[in-house]
N, C-alpha and C. Protein backbone atom coordinates (compact mmCIF):
# COMPACT_ATOMS: atom_id res chain seq x y z
N MET A 1 50.65 -182.71 47.03
CA MET A 1 49.82 -183.55 47.87
C MET A 1 49.19 -184.62 47.00
N ASN A 2 49.15 -185.85 47.47
CA ASN A 2 48.67 -186.94 46.65
C ASN A 2 47.21 -187.30 46.89
N THR A 3 46.53 -186.57 47.75
CA THR A 3 45.11 -186.82 47.92
C THR A 3 44.32 -185.80 47.11
N TYR A 4 43.12 -186.14 46.81
CA TYR A 4 42.27 -185.31 45.97
C TYR A 4 40.87 -185.38 46.54
N VAL A 5 40.22 -184.26 46.67
CA VAL A 5 38.84 -184.29 47.16
C VAL A 5 37.99 -184.89 46.06
N ASN A 6 37.63 -186.13 46.26
CA ASN A 6 36.87 -186.88 45.29
C ASN A 6 35.49 -186.25 45.13
N LEU A 7 35.04 -186.14 43.91
CA LEU A 7 33.74 -185.52 43.65
C LEU A 7 32.59 -186.36 44.19
N ILE A 8 32.83 -187.65 44.37
CA ILE A 8 31.80 -188.54 44.88
C ILE A 8 32.00 -188.68 46.37
N GLY A 9 31.23 -188.01 47.17
CA GLY A 9 31.32 -188.13 48.62
C GLY A 9 32.23 -187.11 49.28
N GLY A 10 33.06 -186.42 48.52
CA GLY A 10 33.90 -185.36 49.06
C GLY A 10 34.95 -185.81 50.06
N LYS A 11 35.38 -187.05 50.02
CA LYS A 11 36.36 -187.54 50.98
C LYS A 11 37.75 -187.55 50.36
N ASN A 12 38.74 -187.31 51.19
CA ASN A 12 40.11 -187.42 50.70
C ASN A 12 40.46 -188.89 50.49
N MET A 13 40.86 -189.19 49.30
CA MET A 13 41.27 -190.54 48.96
C MET A 13 42.57 -190.46 48.19
N THR A 14 43.34 -191.49 48.29
CA THR A 14 44.58 -191.58 47.55
C THR A 14 44.37 -192.54 46.39
N THR A 15 45.00 -192.25 45.27
CA THR A 15 44.89 -193.09 44.09
C THR A 15 46.20 -193.84 43.88
N TYR A 16 46.07 -195.15 43.69
CA TYR A 16 47.23 -196.01 43.45
C TYR A 16 47.04 -196.77 42.14
N GLY A 17 48.12 -197.01 41.45
CA GLY A 17 48.10 -197.86 40.27
C GLY A 17 48.82 -199.16 40.60
N ILE A 18 48.23 -200.27 40.21
CA ILE A 18 48.82 -201.59 40.45
C ILE A 18 48.87 -202.33 39.12
N GLY A 19 50.04 -202.85 38.79
CA GLY A 19 50.23 -203.57 37.54
C GLY A 19 49.49 -204.90 37.54
N TYR A 20 48.99 -205.26 36.36
CA TYR A 20 48.27 -206.52 36.23
C TYR A 20 49.01 -207.53 35.37
N LYS A 21 50.26 -207.23 35.02
CA LYS A 21 51.07 -208.17 34.25
C LYS A 21 52.24 -208.61 35.12
N TYR A 22 52.20 -209.86 35.53
CA TYR A 22 53.29 -210.39 36.34
C TYR A 22 54.51 -210.63 35.45
N ASN A 23 55.64 -210.17 35.92
CA ASN A 23 56.90 -210.25 35.16
C ASN A 23 56.79 -209.55 33.81
N GLY A 24 55.89 -208.57 33.73
CA GLY A 24 55.72 -207.80 32.50
C GLY A 24 55.03 -208.54 31.38
N ARG A 25 54.59 -209.79 31.65
CA ARG A 25 54.02 -210.60 30.57
C ARG A 25 52.68 -211.25 30.93
N LYS A 26 52.61 -211.97 32.04
CA LYS A 26 51.42 -212.76 32.37
C LYS A 26 50.31 -211.86 32.89
N ASP A 27 49.22 -211.78 32.14
CA ASP A 27 48.07 -210.94 32.50
C ASP A 27 47.25 -211.65 33.58
N VAL A 28 47.17 -211.05 34.77
CA VAL A 28 46.41 -211.62 35.88
C VAL A 28 45.19 -210.75 36.24
N SER A 29 44.82 -209.84 35.35
CA SER A 29 43.71 -208.94 35.65
C SER A 29 42.41 -209.70 35.90
N LYS A 30 42.13 -210.73 35.12
CA LYS A 30 40.90 -211.51 35.33
C LYS A 30 40.92 -212.17 36.70
N ASP A 31 42.07 -212.68 37.13
CA ASP A 31 42.18 -213.29 38.47
C ASP A 31 41.90 -212.25 39.55
N PHE A 32 42.44 -211.05 39.37
CA PHE A 32 42.20 -209.97 40.34
C PHE A 32 40.71 -209.65 40.41
N LEU A 33 40.08 -209.50 39.25
CA LEU A 33 38.67 -209.12 39.20
C LEU A 33 37.77 -210.23 39.73
N ASP A 34 38.06 -211.46 39.36
CA ASP A 34 37.23 -212.59 39.82
C ASP A 34 37.30 -212.79 41.33
N ASN A 35 38.44 -212.41 41.93
CA ASN A 35 38.64 -212.62 43.37
C ASN A 35 38.54 -211.34 44.19
N ASP A 36 38.19 -210.22 43.53
CA ASP A 36 38.08 -208.91 44.20
C ASP A 36 39.35 -208.56 44.98
N ILE A 37 40.48 -208.65 44.30
CA ILE A 37 41.77 -208.36 44.93
C ILE A 37 42.68 -207.60 43.97
N ALA A 38 43.76 -207.07 44.50
CA ALA A 38 44.88 -206.53 43.73
C ALA A 38 46.13 -206.92 44.50
N CYS A 39 47.10 -207.50 43.80
CA CYS A 39 48.25 -208.11 44.47
C CYS A 39 49.56 -207.76 43.78
N MET A 40 50.64 -208.19 44.46
CA MET A 40 51.97 -208.18 43.86
C MET A 40 52.52 -209.59 43.96
N ASN A 41 53.33 -209.97 42.98
CA ASN A 41 53.91 -211.31 43.03
C ASN A 41 55.37 -211.28 43.46
N HIS A 42 55.82 -210.16 44.02
CA HIS A 42 57.20 -210.02 44.47
C HIS A 42 57.34 -210.53 45.90
N ASP A 43 58.51 -211.06 46.21
CA ASP A 43 58.82 -211.51 47.56
C ASP A 43 58.84 -210.30 48.49
N PRO A 44 57.97 -210.26 49.51
CA PRO A 44 57.89 -209.10 50.40
C PRO A 44 59.22 -208.75 51.08
N GLU A 45 60.03 -209.74 51.36
CA GLU A 45 61.31 -209.47 52.02
C GLU A 45 62.32 -208.83 51.08
N LYS A 46 62.20 -209.10 49.80
CA LYS A 46 63.14 -208.55 48.81
C LYS A 46 62.66 -207.22 48.23
N PHE A 47 61.38 -206.91 48.41
CA PHE A 47 60.81 -205.70 47.83
C PHE A 47 60.06 -204.89 48.89
N PRO A 48 60.78 -204.41 49.91
CA PRO A 48 60.11 -203.66 50.99
C PRO A 48 59.46 -202.37 50.51
N TYR A 49 59.96 -201.77 49.44
CA TYR A 49 59.36 -200.54 48.91
C TYR A 49 57.92 -200.80 48.48
N PHE A 50 57.70 -201.89 47.73
CA PHE A 50 56.35 -202.22 47.28
C PHE A 50 55.44 -202.55 48.47
N VAL A 51 55.97 -203.29 49.43
CA VAL A 51 55.21 -203.62 50.64
C VAL A 51 54.81 -202.34 51.37
N GLY A 52 55.75 -201.40 51.47
CA GLY A 52 55.46 -200.13 52.13
C GLY A 52 54.33 -199.38 51.47
N LEU A 53 54.31 -199.35 50.14
CA LEU A 53 53.22 -198.69 49.43
C LEU A 53 51.89 -199.40 49.67
N PHE A 54 51.89 -200.73 49.60
CA PHE A 54 50.66 -201.47 49.86
C PHE A 54 50.14 -201.18 51.26
N LYS A 55 51.04 -201.09 52.22
CA LYS A 55 50.60 -200.87 53.60
C LYS A 55 50.12 -199.45 53.86
N GLU A 56 50.42 -198.52 52.96
CA GLU A 56 49.90 -197.14 53.06
C GLU A 56 48.45 -197.07 52.60
N ILE A 57 48.02 -198.01 51.79
CA ILE A 57 46.68 -198.01 51.22
C ILE A 57 45.64 -198.18 52.33
N LYS A 58 44.58 -197.38 52.23
CA LYS A 58 43.51 -197.40 53.22
C LYS A 58 42.19 -197.79 52.56
N ASP A 59 41.26 -198.25 53.38
CA ASP A 59 39.92 -198.56 52.87
C ASP A 59 39.36 -197.33 52.15
N LYS A 60 38.70 -197.57 51.05
CA LYS A 60 38.06 -196.56 50.19
C LYS A 60 39.02 -195.85 49.25
N ASP A 61 40.35 -196.08 49.37
CA ASP A 61 41.28 -195.51 48.39
C ASP A 61 40.95 -196.08 47.01
N ILE A 62 41.41 -195.40 45.98
CA ILE A 62 41.15 -195.77 44.60
C ILE A 62 42.30 -196.62 44.07
N ILE A 63 41.95 -197.69 43.36
CA ILE A 63 42.94 -198.55 42.72
C ILE A 63 42.63 -198.61 41.23
N VAL A 64 43.66 -198.43 40.42
CA VAL A 64 43.52 -198.67 38.99
C VAL A 64 44.45 -199.82 38.63
N LEU A 65 43.91 -200.79 37.90
CA LEU A 65 44.76 -201.81 37.31
C LEU A 65 45.32 -201.22 36.05
N LYS A 66 46.64 -201.25 35.94
CA LYS A 66 47.26 -200.49 34.86
C LYS A 66 48.44 -201.24 34.27
N THR A 67 48.78 -200.80 33.10
CA THR A 67 50.06 -201.11 32.50
C THR A 67 50.58 -199.77 31.98
N SER A 68 51.87 -199.64 31.98
CA SER A 68 52.46 -198.37 31.54
C SER A 68 53.80 -198.66 30.87
N PRO A 69 53.75 -199.10 29.60
CA PRO A 69 54.99 -199.42 28.91
C PRO A 69 55.92 -198.21 28.82
N MET A 70 57.17 -198.40 29.20
CA MET A 70 58.14 -197.28 29.19
C MET A 70 58.25 -196.65 27.81
N SER A 71 58.21 -197.48 26.77
CA SER A 71 58.39 -196.96 25.42
C SER A 71 57.24 -196.06 24.99
N GLU A 72 56.06 -196.23 25.58
CA GLU A 72 54.89 -195.45 25.19
C GLU A 72 54.63 -194.26 26.10
N ARG A 73 55.07 -194.36 27.34
CA ARG A 73 54.84 -193.30 28.33
C ARG A 73 53.37 -192.93 28.44
N LYS A 74 52.54 -193.96 28.51
CA LYS A 74 51.10 -193.78 28.69
C LYS A 74 50.66 -194.66 29.84
N LEU A 75 49.66 -194.20 30.55
CA LEU A 75 49.02 -194.98 31.60
C LEU A 75 47.80 -195.63 30.98
N LYS A 76 47.82 -196.95 30.86
CA LYS A 76 46.71 -197.68 30.26
C LYS A 76 45.95 -198.36 31.37
N ILE A 77 44.72 -197.91 31.58
CA ILE A 77 43.90 -198.40 32.69
C ILE A 77 42.94 -199.47 32.18
N ARG A 78 42.98 -200.63 32.82
CA ARG A 78 42.08 -201.72 32.45
C ARG A 78 40.89 -201.81 33.39
N ALA A 79 41.10 -201.48 34.67
CA ALA A 79 40.01 -201.58 35.64
C ALA A 79 40.20 -200.52 36.73
N ILE A 80 39.11 -200.21 37.39
CA ILE A 80 39.14 -199.21 38.45
C ILE A 80 38.26 -199.70 39.59
N GLY A 81 38.70 -199.44 40.83
CA GLY A 81 37.91 -199.89 41.97
C GLY A 81 38.27 -199.15 43.24
N ARG A 82 37.57 -199.51 44.31
CA ARG A 82 37.81 -198.94 45.63
C ARG A 82 38.24 -200.04 46.58
N VAL A 83 39.18 -199.72 47.45
CA VAL A 83 39.67 -200.69 48.42
C VAL A 83 38.56 -201.01 49.42
N SER A 84 38.27 -202.30 49.58
CA SER A 84 37.24 -202.72 50.54
C SER A 84 37.87 -203.23 51.84
N LYS A 85 39.08 -203.75 51.75
CA LYS A 85 39.79 -204.22 52.94
C LYS A 85 41.29 -204.03 52.68
N SER A 86 41.88 -203.08 53.37
CA SER A 86 43.26 -202.69 53.09
C SER A 86 44.31 -203.55 53.78
N LYS A 87 43.87 -204.57 54.51
CA LYS A 87 44.84 -205.44 55.18
C LYS A 87 45.68 -206.16 54.12
N PHE A 88 47.00 -205.96 54.19
CA PHE A 88 47.94 -206.56 53.25
C PHE A 88 48.21 -207.99 53.72
N GLU A 89 47.78 -208.96 52.89
CA GLU A 89 47.91 -210.35 53.30
C GLU A 89 48.05 -211.26 52.09
N ARG A 90 48.41 -212.50 52.36
CA ARG A 90 48.56 -213.50 51.31
C ARG A 90 47.20 -213.72 50.65
N LYS A 91 47.21 -213.74 49.32
CA LYS A 91 45.98 -213.96 48.53
C LYS A 91 46.18 -215.17 47.62
N GLY A 92 46.35 -216.32 48.22
CA GLY A 92 46.53 -217.56 47.46
C GLY A 92 47.78 -217.52 46.60
N ASN A 93 47.68 -218.09 45.41
CA ASN A 93 48.85 -218.17 44.53
C ASN A 93 49.12 -216.87 43.77
N LEU A 94 48.34 -215.83 44.03
CA LEU A 94 48.56 -214.54 43.36
C LEU A 94 49.52 -213.64 44.14
N GLY A 95 49.93 -214.06 45.31
CA GLY A 95 50.89 -213.28 46.09
C GLY A 95 50.23 -212.56 47.24
N TYR A 96 50.75 -211.39 47.57
CA TYR A 96 50.25 -210.59 48.68
C TYR A 96 49.51 -209.38 48.13
N GLY A 97 48.42 -209.02 48.80
CA GLY A 97 47.66 -207.88 48.32
C GLY A 97 46.54 -207.48 49.23
N ILE A 98 45.58 -206.79 48.63
CA ILE A 98 44.45 -206.18 49.34
C ILE A 98 43.14 -206.57 48.64
N SER A 99 42.02 -206.30 49.29
CA SER A 99 40.70 -206.57 48.71
C SER A 99 40.14 -205.30 48.07
N VAL A 100 39.52 -205.45 46.90
CA VAL A 100 39.03 -204.32 46.12
C VAL A 100 37.62 -204.60 45.60
N ASP A 101 36.75 -203.60 45.70
CA ASP A 101 35.45 -203.64 45.02
C ASP A 101 35.67 -202.99 43.65
N TRP A 102 35.63 -203.80 42.60
CA TRP A 102 35.87 -203.27 41.26
C TRP A 102 34.62 -202.58 40.74
N ILE A 103 34.81 -201.39 40.18
CA ILE A 103 33.71 -200.56 39.69
C ILE A 103 33.55 -200.70 38.18
N GLY A 104 34.67 -200.64 37.46
CA GLY A 104 34.63 -200.69 36.00
C GLY A 104 35.78 -201.50 35.45
N TYR A 105 35.54 -202.17 34.31
CA TYR A 105 36.54 -203.04 33.71
C TYR A 105 36.27 -203.16 32.22
N ASP A 106 37.35 -203.26 31.45
CA ASP A 106 37.23 -203.53 30.02
C ASP A 106 38.52 -204.20 29.56
N ASP A 107 38.39 -205.34 28.88
CA ASP A 107 39.57 -206.06 28.37
C ASP A 107 40.43 -205.18 27.47
N ASN A 108 39.80 -204.28 26.74
CA ASN A 108 40.52 -203.42 25.82
C ASN A 108 41.04 -202.15 26.48
N GLY A 109 40.78 -202.00 27.76
CA GLY A 109 41.19 -200.79 28.47
C GLY A 109 40.05 -199.80 28.55
N ILE A 110 39.95 -199.12 29.69
CA ILE A 110 38.87 -198.14 29.84
C ILE A 110 39.38 -196.71 29.65
N GLU A 111 40.69 -196.54 29.71
CA GLU A 111 41.24 -195.19 29.52
C GLU A 111 42.72 -195.31 29.22
N GLU A 112 43.20 -194.39 28.41
CA GLU A 112 44.62 -194.29 28.11
C GLU A 112 45.01 -192.83 28.31
N ILE A 113 45.95 -192.59 29.22
CA ILE A 113 46.32 -191.23 29.57
C ILE A 113 47.78 -190.99 29.21
N ASN A 114 48.04 -189.94 28.43
CA ASN A 114 49.41 -189.59 28.08
C ASN A 114 50.09 -188.98 29.30
N THR A 115 51.21 -189.57 29.73
CA THR A 115 51.90 -189.11 30.94
C THR A 115 53.31 -188.59 30.64
N TYR A 116 53.60 -188.36 29.38
CA TYR A 116 54.95 -187.99 28.99
C TYR A 116 55.43 -186.68 29.63
N SER A 117 54.55 -185.72 29.71
CA SER A 117 54.99 -184.36 30.06
C SER A 117 55.07 -184.06 31.56
N ASP A 118 54.61 -184.96 32.43
CA ASP A 118 54.56 -184.58 33.84
C ASP A 118 55.76 -185.04 34.67
N GLY A 119 56.69 -185.75 34.07
CA GLY A 119 57.89 -186.17 34.79
C GLY A 119 57.70 -187.39 35.66
N GLY A 120 56.49 -187.90 35.78
CA GLY A 120 56.24 -189.05 36.65
C GLY A 120 55.99 -190.34 35.91
N TRP A 121 56.18 -190.32 34.59
CA TRP A 121 55.86 -191.51 33.80
C TRP A 121 56.67 -192.72 34.23
N HIS A 122 57.90 -192.51 34.70
CA HIS A 122 58.74 -193.64 35.09
C HIS A 122 58.21 -194.36 36.33
N GLN A 123 57.61 -193.63 37.27
CA GLN A 123 57.07 -194.29 38.48
C GLN A 123 55.88 -195.16 38.12
N ARG A 124 55.15 -194.79 37.08
CA ARG A 124 53.96 -195.54 36.70
C ARG A 124 54.30 -196.88 36.05
N CYS A 125 55.58 -197.11 35.76
CA CYS A 125 56.02 -198.38 35.18
C CYS A 125 56.24 -199.45 36.25
N MET A 126 56.25 -199.05 37.52
CA MET A 126 56.50 -200.01 38.60
C MET A 126 55.26 -200.85 38.89
N ALA A 127 55.45 -201.92 39.69
CA ALA A 127 54.35 -202.83 40.03
C ALA A 127 53.24 -202.12 40.80
N ILE A 128 53.60 -201.14 41.61
CA ILE A 128 52.63 -200.33 42.35
C ILE A 128 53.19 -198.93 42.45
N TYR A 129 52.33 -197.94 42.35
CA TYR A 129 52.76 -196.55 42.51
C TYR A 129 51.60 -195.74 43.07
N LYS A 130 51.96 -194.59 43.62
CA LYS A 130 50.97 -193.64 44.15
C LYS A 130 50.89 -192.48 43.16
N GLU A 131 49.66 -192.14 42.75
CA GLU A 131 49.49 -191.06 41.78
C GLU A 131 49.51 -189.71 42.48
N TYR A 132 50.30 -188.78 41.96
CA TYR A 132 50.42 -187.44 42.51
C TYR A 132 49.88 -186.35 41.59
N ASN A 133 49.72 -186.64 40.31
CA ASN A 133 49.32 -185.62 39.35
C ASN A 133 47.82 -185.34 39.48
N PRO A 134 47.44 -184.11 39.91
CA PRO A 134 46.02 -183.82 40.11
C PRO A 134 45.18 -183.93 38.84
N GLU A 135 45.78 -183.68 37.68
CA GLU A 135 45.02 -183.80 36.43
C GLU A 135 44.69 -185.26 36.13
N ILE A 136 45.63 -186.15 36.38
CA ILE A 136 45.38 -187.57 36.16
C ILE A 136 44.37 -188.08 37.18
N ILE A 137 44.48 -187.64 38.42
CA ILE A 137 43.52 -188.03 39.45
C ILE A 137 42.11 -187.57 39.06
N LYS A 138 41.98 -186.38 38.50
CA LYS A 138 40.67 -185.90 38.06
C LYS A 138 40.12 -186.77 36.93
N GLN A 139 40.99 -187.20 36.02
CA GLN A 139 40.53 -188.08 34.93
C GLN A 139 40.05 -189.42 35.48
N ILE A 140 40.77 -189.94 36.47
CA ILE A 140 40.37 -191.19 37.10
C ILE A 140 39.05 -191.01 37.85
N ASP A 141 38.88 -189.88 38.51
CA ASP A 141 37.63 -189.59 39.21
C ASP A 141 36.45 -189.56 38.23
N LYS A 142 36.65 -189.02 37.05
CA LYS A 142 35.59 -189.00 36.04
C LYS A 142 35.22 -190.42 35.62
N LEU A 143 36.22 -191.30 35.56
CA LEU A 143 35.93 -192.70 35.23
C LEU A 143 35.07 -193.34 36.32
N ILE A 144 35.39 -193.04 37.57
CA ILE A 144 34.59 -193.58 38.68
C ILE A 144 33.14 -193.12 38.54
N GLN A 145 32.96 -191.84 38.28
CA GLN A 145 31.59 -191.31 38.12
C GLN A 145 30.86 -192.03 36.99
N LYS A 146 31.56 -192.22 35.89
CA LYS A 146 30.96 -192.88 34.72
C LYS A 146 30.50 -194.29 35.08
N TYR A 147 31.35 -195.07 35.72
CA TYR A 147 31.01 -196.46 36.03
C TYR A 147 30.02 -196.59 37.17
N GLU A 148 30.00 -195.65 38.10
CA GLU A 148 29.02 -195.73 39.18
C GLU A 148 27.63 -195.36 38.72
N LYS A 149 27.52 -194.64 37.61
CA LYS A 149 26.21 -194.29 37.07
C LYS A 149 25.59 -195.47 36.31
N GLU A 150 26.45 -196.36 35.83
CA GLU A 150 25.95 -197.50 35.02
C GLU A 150 25.29 -198.54 35.88
């Protein structure tokens, strides 16, 4: 099951990771944070899988801005937030996406999680993915608690 009873509020929420490097190179995390959004730069007609995942996202779900280089098999989290408006729509020149209230951010990354042993490291390399590993979800939940206390 991909939902986790979040320690903050006790509600079932789903955790998604969204890449912040367009074409694997251009860092758009500052644009996402400045505009309270998370997007994809892929053509929706050519990438229905990504569109489908975005459309599954609901208000209050958790979003992590991440990179996950295949060679390292680590989930590197730069920012974490909650979905404020899950309507999937055009977001200017950044593509299509959703609105997010960002909770925590750090240019150097706020967390690095080793994902080698759980078999899901390859899905985390995609532009968007849904997190299923309860241990990783718990680590992300701890980050939320940390940033909400600040």
